[in-house]
Amino acid sequence: MAVVMALGGAMGYAKSRSTASLVAGVASGSLFALSGYLIENGRPLYGHELAGVVSVLLTATMGRRALRTSKIMPAGAIAALNLAHAAYQWTKVNQMFELGHKN
């Protein structure tokens, strides 16, 4: 997900010179990379929570943009992808709480 977001931001910049797309893509990609690092290095609860929060924010932002512009690509696709990703991440967080996992 980190690479997808960073590349998407770079593509948005290349296509329309959108600095906002580049910054948002690199920032969200960096946060997803950090969440992966946390998950792999003994802090899985924090990692899944971070990825879940970022995915929810991206779902809301891109979903709103898709509704405003009535365009599926790229905003609707990114919103749908992040909605699925958020559901996965929050399912993992819930499982950890049920198992009594502490970070």
PDB file of N, CA and C in Angstrom:
ATOM      1  N   MET A   1       0.826  -1.180   0.000  1.00  0.00           N
ATOM      2  CA  MET A   1       0.000   0.000   0.000  1.00  0.00           C
ATOM      3  C   MET A   1       0.877   1.253   0.000  1.00  0.00           C
ATOM      4  N   ALA A   2       2.016   1.184   0.673  1.00  0.00           N
ATOM      5  CA  ALA A   2       2.918   2.333   0.713  1.00  0.00           C
ATOM      6  C   ALA A   2       3.371   2.720  -0.692  1.00  0.00           C
ATOM      7  N   VAL A   3       3.752   1.735  -1.462  1.00  0.00           N
ATOM      8  CA  VAL A   3       4.237   1.998  -2.818  1.00  0.00           C
ATOM      9  C   VAL A   3       3.107   2.495  -3.710  1.00  0.00           C
ATOM     10  N   VAL A   4       1.930   1.908  -3.578  1.00  0.00           N
ATOM     11  CA  VAL A   4       0.774   2.316  -4.392  1.00  0.00           C
ATOM     12  C   VAL A   4       0.443   3.784  -4.152  1.00  0.00           C
ATOM     13  N   MET A   5       0.412   4.202  -2.894  1.00  0.00           N
ATOM     14  CA  MET A   5       0.079   5.590  -2.579  1.00  0.00           C
ATOM     15  C   MET A   5       1.155   6.558  -3.068  1.00  0.00           C
ATOM     16  N   ALA A   6       2.416   6.216  -2.846  1.00  0.00           N
ATOM     17  CA  ALA A   6       3.506   7.094  -3.281  1.00  0.00           C
ATOM     18  C   ALA A   6       3.535   7.212  -4.805  1.00  0.00           C
ATOM     19  N   LEU A   7       3.367   6.097  -5.499  1.00  0.00           N
ATOM     20  CA  LEU A   7       3.343   6.144  -6.964  1.00  0.00           C
ATOM     21  C   LEU A   7       2.127   6.916  -7.480  1.00  0.00           C
ATOM     22  N   GLY A   8       1.008   6.751  -6.813  1.00  0.00           N
ATOM     23  CA  GLY A   8      -0.191   7.487  -7.207  1.00  0.00           C
ATOM     24  C   GLY A   8      -0.001   8.988  -7.078  1.00  0.00           C
ATOM     25  N   GLY A   9       0.643   9.405  -6.010  1.00  0.00           N
ATOM     26  CA  GLY A   9       0.935  10.826  -5.836  1.00  0.00           C
ATOM     27  C   GLY A   9       1.876  11.335  -6.907  1.00  0.00           C
ATOM     28  N   ALA A  10       2.892  10.534  -7.239  1.00  0.00           N
ATOM     29  CA  ALA A  10       3.836  10.922  -8.294  1.00  0.00           C
ATOM     30  C   ALA A  10       3.142  10.992  -9.653  1.00  0.00           C
ATOM     31  N   MET A  11       2.233  10.061  -9.907  1.00  0.00           N
ATOM     32  CA  MET A  11       1.496  10.084 -11.169  1.00  0.00           C
ATOM     33  C   MET A  11       0.579  11.302 -11.258  1.00  0.00           C
ATOM     34  N   GLY A  12      -0.064  11.659 -10.137  1.00  0.00           N
ATOM     35  CA  GLY A  12      -0.906  12.848 -10.116  1.00  0.00           C
ATOM     36  C   GLY A  12      -0.112  14.107 -10.397  1.00  0.00           C
ATOM     37  N   TYR A  13       1.099  14.137  -9.853  1.00  0.00           N
ATOM     38  CA  TYR A  13       1.959  15.292 -10.114  1.00  0.00           C
ATOM     39  C   TYR A  13       2.403  15.323 -11.574  1.00  0.00           C
ATOM     40  N   ALA A  14       2.807  14.176 -12.090  1.00  0.00           N
ATOM     41  CA  ALA A  14       3.283  14.111 -13.477  1.00  0.00           C
ATOM     42  C   ALA A  14       2.176  14.474 -14.465  1.00  0.00           C
ATOM     43  N   LYS A  15       0.951  14.047 -14.169  1.00  0.00           N
ATOM     44  CA  LYS A  15      -0.159  14.282 -15.095  1.00  0.00           C
ATOM     45  C   LYS A  15      -0.651  15.722 -15.062  1.00  0.00           C
ATOM     46  N   SER A  16      -0.822  16.277 -13.864  1.00  0.00           N
ATOM     47  CA  SER A  16      -1.446  17.597 -13.776  1.00  0.00           C
ATOM     48  C   SER A  16      -0.647  18.612 -12.961  1.00  0.00           C
ATOM     49  N   ARG A  17       0.592  18.281 -12.652  1.00  0.00           N
ATOM     50  CA  ARG A  17       1.454  19.170 -11.862  1.00  0.00           C
ATOM     51  C   ARG A  17       0.828  19.517 -10.516  1.00  0.00           C
ATOM     52  N   SER A  18       0.131  18.540  -9.943  1.00  0.00           N
ATOM     53  CA  SER A  18      -0.538  18.731  -8.659  1.00  0.00           C
ATOM     54  C   SER A  18       0.434  18.449  -7.516  1.00  0.00           C
ATOM     55  N   THR A  19       0.923  19.512  -6.912  1.00  0.00           N
ATOM     56  CA  THR A  19       1.821  19.363  -5.772  1.00  0.00           C
ATOM     57  C   THR A  19       1.083  18.709  -4.603  1.00  0.00           C
ATOM     58  N   ALA A  20      -0.210  19.027  -4.451  1.00  0.00           N
ATOM     59  CA  ALA A  20      -1.003  18.425  -3.377  1.00  0.00           C
ATOM     60  C   ALA A  20      -1.058  16.908  -3.527  1.00  0.00           C
ATOM     61  N   SER A  21      -1.210  16.405  -4.747  1.00  0.00           N
ATOM     62  CA  SER A  21      -1.223  14.955  -4.982  1.00  0.00           C
ATOM     63  C   SER A  21       0.108  14.331  -4.607  1.00  0.00           C
ATOM     64  N   LEU A  22       1.187  14.982  -4.990  1.00  0.00           N
ATOM     65  CA  LEU A  22       2.514  14.462  -4.680  1.00  0.00           C
ATOM     66  C   LEU A  22       2.744  14.414  -3.175  1.00  0.00           C
ATOM     67  N   VAL A  23       2.434  15.499  -2.486  1.00  0.00           N
ATOM     68  CA  VAL A  23       2.639  15.558  -1.032  1.00  0.00           C
ATOM     69  C   VAL A  23       1.760  14.534  -0.321  1.00  0.00           C
ATOM     70  N   ALA A  24       0.488  14.473  -0.689  1.00  0.00           N
ATOM     71  CA  ALA A  24      -0.434  13.531  -0.049  1.00  0.00           C
ATOM     72  C   ALA A  24      -0.029  12.087  -0.322  1.00  0.00           C
ATOM     73  N   GLY A  25       0.374  11.798  -1.553  1.00  0.00           N
ATOM     74  CA  GLY A  25       0.792  10.437  -1.896  1.00  0.00           C
ATOM     75  C   GLY A  25       2.038  10.008  -1.157  1.00  0.00           C
ATOM     76  N   VAL A  26       3.030  10.880  -1.115  1.00  0.00           N
ATOM     77  CA  VAL A  26       4.272  10.544  -0.417  1.00  0.00           C
ATOM     78  C   VAL A  26       4.036  10.464   1.093  1.00  0.00           C
ATOM     79  N   ALA A  27       3.236  11.382   1.638  1.00  0.00           N
ATOM     80  CA  ALA A  27       2.954  11.360   3.075  1.00  0.00           C
ATOM     81  C   ALA A  27       2.196  10.095   3.480  1.00  0.00           C
ATOM     82  N   SER A  28       1.134   9.765   2.742  1.00  0.00           N
ATOM     83  CA  SER A  28       0.369   8.560   3.098  1.00  0.00           C
ATOM     84  C   SER A  28       1.200   7.313   2.850  1.00  0.00           C
ATOM     85  N   GLY A  29       1.981   7.297   1.779  1.00  0.00           N
ATOM     86  CA  GLY A  29       2.872   6.160   1.538  1.00  0.00           C
ATOM     87  C   GLY A  29       3.882   5.987   2.650  1.00  0.00           C
ATOM     88  N   SER A  30       4.414   7.097   3.144  1.00  0.00           N
ATOM     89  CA  SER A  30       5.382   7.040   4.244  1.00  0.00           C
ATOM     90  C   SER A  30       4.739   6.517   5.525  1.00  0.00           C
ATOM     91  N   LEU A  31       3.505   6.950   5.792  1.00  0.00           N
ATOM     92  CA  LEU A  31       2.808   6.450   6.981  1.00  0.00           C
ATOM     93  C   LEU A  31       2.493   4.961   6.859  1.00  0.00           C
ATOM     94  N   PHE A  32       2.131   4.503   5.664  1.00  0.00           N
ATOM     95  CA  PHE A  32       1.905   3.069   5.470  1.00  0.00           C
ATOM     96  C   PHE A  32       3.216   2.289   5.629  1.00  0.00           C
ATOM     97  N   ALA A  33       4.314   2.859   5.148  1.00  0.00           N
ATOM     98  CA  ALA A  33       5.616   2.201   5.323  1.00  0.00           C
ATOM     99  C   ALA A  33       5.965   2.118   6.804  1.00  0.00           C
ATOM    100  N   LEU A  34       5.711   3.187   7.543  1.00  0.00           N
ATOM    101  CA  LEU A  34       5.966   3.179   8.985  1.00  0.00           C
ATOM    102  C   LEU A  34       5.098   2.131   9.670  1.00  0.00           C
ATOM    103  N   SER A  35       3.844   2.016   9.264  1.00  0.00           N
ATOM    104  CA  SER A  35       2.967   1.008   9.880  1.00  0.00           C
ATOM    105  C   SER A  35       3.490  -0.400   9.606  1.00  0.00           C
ATOM    106  N   GLY A  36       3.982  -0.633   8.395  1.00  0.00           N
ATOM    107  CA  GLY A  36       4.570  -1.937   8.083  1.00  0.00           C
ATOM    108  C   GLY A  36       5.805  -2.214   8.931  1.00  0.00           C
ATOM    109  N   TYR A  37       6.624  -1.187   9.125  1.00  0.00           N
ATOM    110  CA  TYR A  37       7.812  -1.328   9.968  1.00  0.00           C
ATOM    111  C   TYR A  37       7.406  -1.686  11.396  1.00  0.00           C
ATOM    112  N   LEU A  38       6.390  -0.995  11.928  1.00  0.00           N
ATOM    113  CA  LEU A  38       5.932  -1.283  13.289  1.00  0.00           C
ATOM    114  C   LEU A  38       5.407  -2.708  13.406  1.00  0.00           C
ATOM    115  N   ILE A  39       4.631  -3.147  12.427  1.00  0.00           N
ATOM    116  CA  ILE A  39       4.070  -4.501  12.452  1.00  0.00           C
ATOM    117  C   ILE A  39       5.180  -5.543  12.448  1.00  0.00           C
ATOM    118  N   GLU A  40       6.180  -5.325  11.637  1.00  0.00           N
ATOM    119  CA  GLU A  40       7.279  -6.296  11.507  1.00  0.00           C
ATOM    120  C   GLU A  40       8.293  -6.244  12.641  1.00  0.00           C
ATOM    121  N   ASN A  41       8.269  -5.179  13.437  1.00  0.00           N
ATOM    122  CA  ASN A  41       9.296  -5.020  14.464  1.00  0.00           C
ATOM    123  C   ASN A  41       8.733  -4.921  15.875  1.00  0.00           C
ATOM    124  N   GLY A  42       7.754  -5.757  16.164  1.00  0.00           N
ATOM    125  CA  GLY A  42       7.298  -5.931  17.530  1.00  0.00           C
ATOM    126  C   GLY A  42       6.240  -4.972  18.027  1.00  0.00           C
ATOM    127  N   ARG A  43       5.690  -4.129  17.165  1.00  0.00           N
ATOM    128  CA  ARG A  43       4.632  -3.213  17.549  1.00  0.00           C
ATOM    129  C   ARG A  43       3.423  -3.362  16.621  1.00  0.00           C
ATOM    130  N   PRO A  44       2.900  -4.585  16.478  1.00  0.00           N
ATOM    131  CA  PRO A  44       1.842  -4.795  15.490  1.00  0.00           C
ATOM    132  C   PRO A  44       0.557  -4.018  15.772  1.00  0.00           C
ATOM    133  N   LEU A  45       0.197  -3.863  17.038  1.00  0.00           N
ATOM    134  CA  LEU A  45      -1.034  -3.134  17.336  1.00  0.00           C
ATOM    135  C   LEU A  45      -0.931  -1.686  16.869  1.00  0.00           C
ATOM    136  N   TYR A  46       0.170  -1.033  17.182  1.00  0.00           N
ATOM    137  CA  TYR A  46       0.373   0.347  16.728  1.00  0.00           C
ATOM    138  C   TYR A  46       0.406   0.424  15.202  1.00  0.00           C
ATOM    139  N   GLY A  47       1.041  -0.528  14.576  1.00  0.00           N
ATOM    140  CA  GLY A  47       1.136  -0.537  13.118  1.00  0.00           C
ATOM    141  C   GLY A  47      -0.219  -0.677  12.450  1.00  0.00           C
ATOM    142  N   HIS A  48      -1.029  -1.615  12.938  1.00  0.00           N
ATOM    143  CA  HIS A  48      -2.363  -1.804  12.356  1.00  0.00           C
ATOM    144  C   HIS A  48      -3.263  -0.606  12.641  1.00  0.00           C
ATOM    145  N   GLU A  49      -3.133  -0.017  13.837  1.00  0.00           N
ATOM    146  CA  GLU A  49      -3.934   1.171  14.141  1.00  0.00           C
ATOM    147  C   GLU A  49      -3.555   2.338  13.229  1.00  0.00           C
ATOM    148  N   LEU A  50      -2.261   2.551  13.038  1.00  0.00           N
ATOM    149  CA  LEU A  50      -1.810   3.632  12.162  1.00  0.00           C
ATOM    150  C   LEU A  50      -2.314   3.424  10.738  1.00  0.00           C
ATOM    151  N   ALA A  51      -2.147   2.232  10.215  1.00  0.00           N
ATOM    152  CA  ALA A  51      -2.615   1.948   8.859  1.00  0.00           C
ATOM    153  C   ALA A  51      -4.134   2.107   8.756  1.00  0.00           C
ATOM    154  N   GLY A  52      -4.853   1.713   9.802  1.00  0.00           N
ATOM    155  CA  GLY A  52      -6.302   1.858   9.805  1.00  0.00           C
ATOM    156  C   GLY A  52      -6.739   3.312   9.780  1.00  0.00           C
ATOM    157  N   VAL A  53      -6.080   4.147  10.562  1.00  0.00           N
ATOM    158  CA  VAL A  53      -6.419   5.571  10.604  1.00  0.00           C
ATOM    159  C   VAL A  53      -6.129   6.224   9.252  1.00  0.00           C
ATOM    160  N   VAL A  54      -4.966   5.941   8.689  1.00  0.00           N
ATOM    161  CA  VAL A  54      -4.602   6.521   7.391  1.00  0.00           C
ATOM    162  C   VAL A  54      -5.603   6.076   6.323  1.00  0.00           C
ATOM    163  N   SER A  55      -5.987   4.797   6.347  1.00  0.00           N
ATOM    164  CA  SER A  55      -6.945   4.288   5.355  1.00  0.00           C
ATOM    165  C   SER A  55      -8.318   4.931   5.495  1.00  0.00           C
ATOM    166  N   VAL A  56      -8.761   5.139   6.729  1.00  0.00           N
ATOM    167  CA  VAL A  56     -10.056   5.795   6.948  1.00  0.00           C
ATOM    168  C   VAL A  56     -10.011   7.229   6.428  1.00  0.00           C
ATOM    169  N   LEU A  57      -8.922   7.945   6.720  1.00  0.00           N
ATOM    170  CA  LEU A  57      -8.791   9.322   6.233  1.00  0.00           C
ATOM    171  C   LEU A  57      -8.772   9.379   4.705  1.00  0.00           C
ATOM    172  N   LEU A  58      -8.047   8.458   4.086  1.00  0.00           N
ATOM    173  CA  LEU A  58      -8.001   8.434   2.623  1.00  0.00           C
ATOM    174  C   LEU A  58      -9.348   8.038   2.029  1.00  0.00           C
ATOM    175  N   THR A  59     -10.054   7.116   2.668  1.00  0.00           N
ATOM    176  CA  THR A  59     -11.388   6.728   2.193  1.00  0.00           C
ATOM    177  C   THR A  59     -12.318   7.934   2.215  1.00  0.00           C
ATOM    178  N   ALA A  60     -12.305   8.676   3.313  1.00  0.00           N
ATOM    179  CA  ALA A  60     -13.183   9.841   3.436  1.00  0.00           C
ATOM    180  C   ALA A  60     -12.819  10.924   2.420  1.00  0.00           C
ATOM    181  N   THR A  61     -11.543  11.231   2.328  1.00  0.00           N
ATOM    182  CA  THR A  61     -11.095  12.294   1.431  1.00  0.00           C
ATOM    183  C   THR A  61     -11.359  11.958  -0.031  1.00  0.00           C
ATOM    184  N   MET A  62     -10.928  10.777  -0.440  1.00  0.00           N
ATOM    185  CA  MET A  62     -11.077  10.406  -1.843  1.00  0.00           C
ATOM    186  C   MET A  62     -12.527  10.063  -2.178  1.00  0.00           C
ATOM    187  N   GLY A  63     -13.263   9.531  -1.216  1.00  0.00           N
ATOM    188  CA  GLY A  63     -14.683   9.258  -1.442  1.00  0.00           C
ATOM    189  C   GLY A  63     -15.460  10.535  -1.680  1.00  0.00           C
ATOM    190  N   ARG A  64     -15.155  11.557  -0.886  1.00  0.00           N
ATOM    191  CA  ARG A  64     -15.800  12.851  -1.075  1.00  0.00           C
ATOM    192  C   ARG A  64     -15.465  13.445  -2.444  1.00  0.00           C
ATOM    193  N   ARG A  65     -14.208  13.301  -2.822  1.00  0.00           N
ATOM    194  CA  ARG A  65     -13.792  13.818  -4.136  1.00  0.00           C
ATOM    195  C   ARG A  65     -14.499  13.061  -5.261  1.00  0.00           C
ATOM    196  N   ALA A  66     -14.618  11.743  -5.127  1.00  0.00           N
ATOM    197  CA  ALA A  66     -15.286  10.939  -6.153  1.00  0.00           C
ATOM    198  C   ALA A  66     -16.758  11.334  -6.283  1.00  0.00           C
ATOM    199  N   LEU A  67     -17.411  11.567  -5.156  1.00  0.00           N
ATOM    200  CA  LEU A  67     -18.817  11.988  -5.201  1.00  0.00           C
ATOM    201  C   LEU A  67     -18.970  13.375  -5.812  1.00  0.00           C
ATOM    202  N   ARG A  68     -18.038  14.270  -5.488  1.00  0.00           N
ATOM    203  CA  ARG A  68     -18.108  15.638  -6.009  1.00  0.00           C
ATOM    204  C   ARG A  68     -17.880  15.692  -7.519  1.00  0.00           C
ATOM    205  N   THR A  69     -16.921  14.886  -8.006  1.00  0.00           N
ATOM    206  CA  THR A  69     -16.577  14.926  -9.430  1.00  0.00           C
ATOM    207  C   THR A  69     -17.323  13.895 -10.261  1.00  0.00           C
ATOM    208  N   SER A  70     -17.965  12.935  -9.613  1.00  0.00           N
ATOM    209  CA  SER A  70     -18.646  11.816 -10.277  1.00  0.00           C
ATOM    210  C   SER A  70     -17.696  10.988 -11.135  1.00  0.00           C
ATOM    211  N   LYS A  71     -16.435  10.917 -10.734  1.00  0.00           N
ATOM    212  CA  LYS A  71     -15.442  10.139 -11.473  1.00  0.00           C
ATOM    213  C   LYS A  71     -14.969   8.967 -10.634  1.00  0.00           C
ATOM    214  N   ILE A  72     -14.952   7.802 -11.270  1.00  0.00           N
ATOM    215  CA  ILE A  72     -14.478   6.599 -10.589  1.00  0.00           C
ATOM    216  C   ILE A  72     -12.951   6.610 -10.469  1.00  0.00           C
ATOM    217  N   MET A  73     -12.285   7.048 -11.529  1.00  0.00           N
ATOM    218  CA  MET A  73     -10.816   7.052 -11.531  1.00  0.00           C
ATOM    219  C   MET A  73     -10.293   8.473 -11.411  1.00  0.00           C
ATOM    220  N   PRO A  74      -9.327   8.687 -10.577  1.00  0.00           N
ATOM    221  CA  PRO A  74      -8.717   7.767  -9.634  1.00  0.00           C
ATOM    222  C   PRO A  74      -9.372   7.787  -8.251  1.00  0.00           C
ATOM    223  N   ALA A  75     -10.140   8.846  -7.950  1.00  0.00           N
ATOM    224  CA  ALA A  75     -10.628   9.033  -6.580  1.00  0.00           C
ATOM    225  C   ALA A  75     -11.498   7.885  -6.079  1.00  0.00           C
ATOM    226  N   GLY A  76     -12.438   7.422  -6.883  1.00  0.00           N
ATOM    227  CA  GLY A  76     -13.323   6.335  -6.452  1.00  0.00           C
ATOM    228  C   GLY A  76     -12.573   5.042  -6.218  1.00  0.00           C
ATOM    229  N   ALA A  77     -11.620   4.752  -7.081  1.00  0.00           N
ATOM    230  CA  ALA A  77     -10.836   3.528  -6.926  1.00  0.00           C
ATOM    231  C   ALA A  77      -9.966   3.582  -5.669  1.00  0.00           C
ATOM    232  N   ILE A  78      -9.359   4.726  -5.416  1.00  0.00           N
ATOM    233  CA  ILE A  78      -8.527   4.875  -4.218  1.00  0.00           C
ATOM    234  C   ILE A  78      -9.390   4.792  -2.967  1.00  0.00           C
ATOM    235  N   ALA A  79     -10.583   5.390  -3.003  1.00  0.00           N
ATOM    236  CA  ALA A  79     -11.499   5.311  -1.860  1.00  0.00           C
ATOM    237  C   ALA A  79     -11.898   3.867  -1.587  1.00  0.00           C
ATOM    238  N   ALA A  80     -12.237   3.127  -2.635  1.00  0.00           N
ATOM    239  CA  ALA A  80     -12.638   1.720  -2.468  1.00  0.00           C
ATOM    240  C   ALA A  80     -11.485   0.867  -1.949  1.00  0.00           C
ATOM    241  N   LEU A  81     -10.306   1.066  -2.506  1.00  0.00           N
ATOM    242  CA  LEU A  81      -9.121   0.326  -2.059  1.00  0.00           C
ATOM    243  C   LEU A  81      -8.843   0.590  -0.581  1.00  0.00           C
ATOM    244  N   ASN A  82      -8.928   1.850  -0.176  1.00  0.00           N
ATOM    245  CA  ASN A  82      -8.646   2.195   1.214  1.00  0.00           C
ATOM    246  C   ASN A  82      -9.755   1.754   2.157  1.00  0.00           C
ATOM    247  N   LEU A  83     -10.989   1.687   1.671  1.00  0.00           N
ATOM    248  CA  LEU A  83     -12.075   1.171   2.500  1.00  0.00           C
ATOM    249  C   LEU A  83     -11.821  -0.297   2.831  1.00  0.00           C
ATOM    250  N   ALA A  84     -11.435  -1.074   1.827  1.00  0.00           N
ATOM    251  CA  ALA A  84     -11.107  -2.487   2.060  1.00  0.00           C
ATOM    252  C   ALA A  84      -9.896  -2.610   2.980  1.00  0.00           C
ATOM    253  N   HIS A  85      -8.911  -1.764   2.780  1.00  0.00           N
ATOM    254  CA  HIS A  85      -7.700  -1.801   3.605  1.00  0.00           C
ATOM    255  C   HIS A  85      -8.023  -1.431   5.047  1.00  0.00           C
ATOM    256  N   ALA A  86      -8.871  -0.434   5.248  1.00  0.00           N
ATOM    257  CA  ALA A  86      -9.274  -0.042   6.600  1.00  0.00           C
ATOM    258  C   ALA A  86     -10.007  -1.185   7.297  1.00  0.00           C
ATOM    259  N   ALA A  87     -10.902  -1.845   6.566  1.00  0.00           N
ATOM    260  CA  ALA A  87     -11.635  -2.973   7.152  1.00  0.00           C
ATOM    261  C   ALA A  87     -10.673  -4.066   7.599  1.00  0.00           C
ATOM    262  N   TYR A  88      -9.681  -4.361   6.789  1.00  0.00           N
ATOM    263  CA  TYR A  88      -8.682  -5.371   7.159  1.00  0.00           C
ATOM    264  C   TYR A  88      -7.905  -4.939   8.404  1.00  0.00           C
ATOM    265  N   GLN A  89      -7.433  -3.708   8.401  1.00  0.00           N
ATOM    266  CA  GLN A  89      -6.607  -3.234   9.515  1.00  0.00           C
ATOM    267  C   GLN A  89      -7.388  -3.223  10.827  1.00  0.00           C
ATOM    268  N   TRP A  90      -8.632  -2.752  10.791  1.00  0.00           N
ATOM    269  CA  TRP A  90      -9.409  -2.704  12.033  1.00  0.00           C
ATOM    270  C   TRP A  90      -9.850  -4.096  12.477  1.00  0.00           C
ATOM    271  N   THR A  91      -9.988  -5.023  11.546  1.00  0.00           N
ATOM    272  CA  THR A  91     -10.238  -6.421  11.923  1.00  0.00           C
ATOM    273  C   THR A  91      -9.036  -6.971  12.673  1.00  0.00           C
ATOM    274  N   LYS A  92      -7.831  -6.669  12.187  1.00  0.00           N
ATOM    275  CA  LYS A  92      -6.606  -7.117  12.873  1.00  0.00           C
ATOM    276  C   LYS A  92      -6.506  -6.500  14.273  1.00  0.00           C
ATOM    277  N   VAL A  93      -6.835  -5.219  14.399  1.00  0.00           N
ATOM    278  CA  VAL A  93      -6.802  -4.564  15.714  1.00  0.00           C
ATOM    279  C   VAL A  93      -7.786  -5.245  16.656  1.00  0.00           C
ATOM    280  N   ASN A  94      -9.001  -5.501  16.170  1.00  0.00           N
ATOM    281  CA  ASN A  94     -10.014  -6.158  16.989  1.00  0.00           C
ATOM    282  C   ASN A  94      -9.556  -7.551  17.428  1.00  0.00           C
ATOM    283  N   GLN A  95      -8.951  -8.311  16.517  1.00  0.00           N
ATOM    284  CA  GLN A  95      -8.437  -9.633  16.879  1.00  0.00           C
ATOM    285  C   GLN A  95      -7.378  -9.548  17.962  1.00  0.00           C
ATOM    286  N   MET A  96      -6.513  -8.553  17.866  1.00  0.00           N
ATOM    287  CA  MET A  96      -5.471  -8.390  18.873  1.00  0.00           C
ATOM    288  C   MET A  96      -6.051  -8.075  20.234  1.00  0.00           C
ATOM    289  N   PHE A  97      -7.084  -7.214  20.265  1.00  0.00           N
ATOM    290  CA  PHE A  97      -7.736  -6.918  21.536  1.00  0.00           C
ATOM    291  C   PHE A  97      -8.406  -8.158  22.110  1.00  0.00           C
ATOM    292  N   GLU A  98      -9.048  -8.945  21.275  1.00  0.00           N
ATOM    293  CA  GLU A  98      -9.706 -10.165  21.750  1.00  0.00           C
ATOM    294  C   GLU A  98      -8.712 -11.156  22.333  1.00  0.00           C
ATOM    295  N   LEU A  99      -7.512 -11.166  21.776  1.00  0.00           N
ATOM    296  CA  LEU A  99      -6.476 -12.076  22.257  1.00  0.00           C
ATOM    297  C   LEU A  99      -5.684 -11.492  23.413  1.00  0.00           C
ATOM    298  N   GLY A 100      -5.990 -10.263  23.792  1.00  0.00           N
ATOM    299  CA  GLY A 100      -5.282  -9.626  24.892  1.00  0.00           C
ATOM    300  C   GLY A 100      -3.888  -9.166  24.544  1.00  0.00           C
ATOM    301  N   HIS A 101      -3.643  -8.925  23.258  1.00  0.00           N
ATOM    302  CA  HIS A 101      -2.332  -8.492  22.803  1.00  0.00           C
ATOM    303  C   HIS A 101      -2.030  -7.078  23.285  1.00  0.00           C
ATOM    304  N   LYS A 102      -0.836  -6.903  23.829  1.00  0.00           N
ATOM    305  CA  LYS A 102      -0.407  -5.580  24.251  1.00  0.00           C
ATOM    306  C   LYS A 102       0.786  -5.161  23.426  1.00  0.00           C
ATOM    307  N   ASN A 103       0.849  -3.905  23.104  1.00  0.00           N
ATOM    308  CA  ASN A 103       1.952  -3.384  22.310  1.00  0.00           C
ATOM    309  C   ASN A 103       2.964  -2.735  23.202  1.00  0.00           C
TER     310      ASN A 103
END
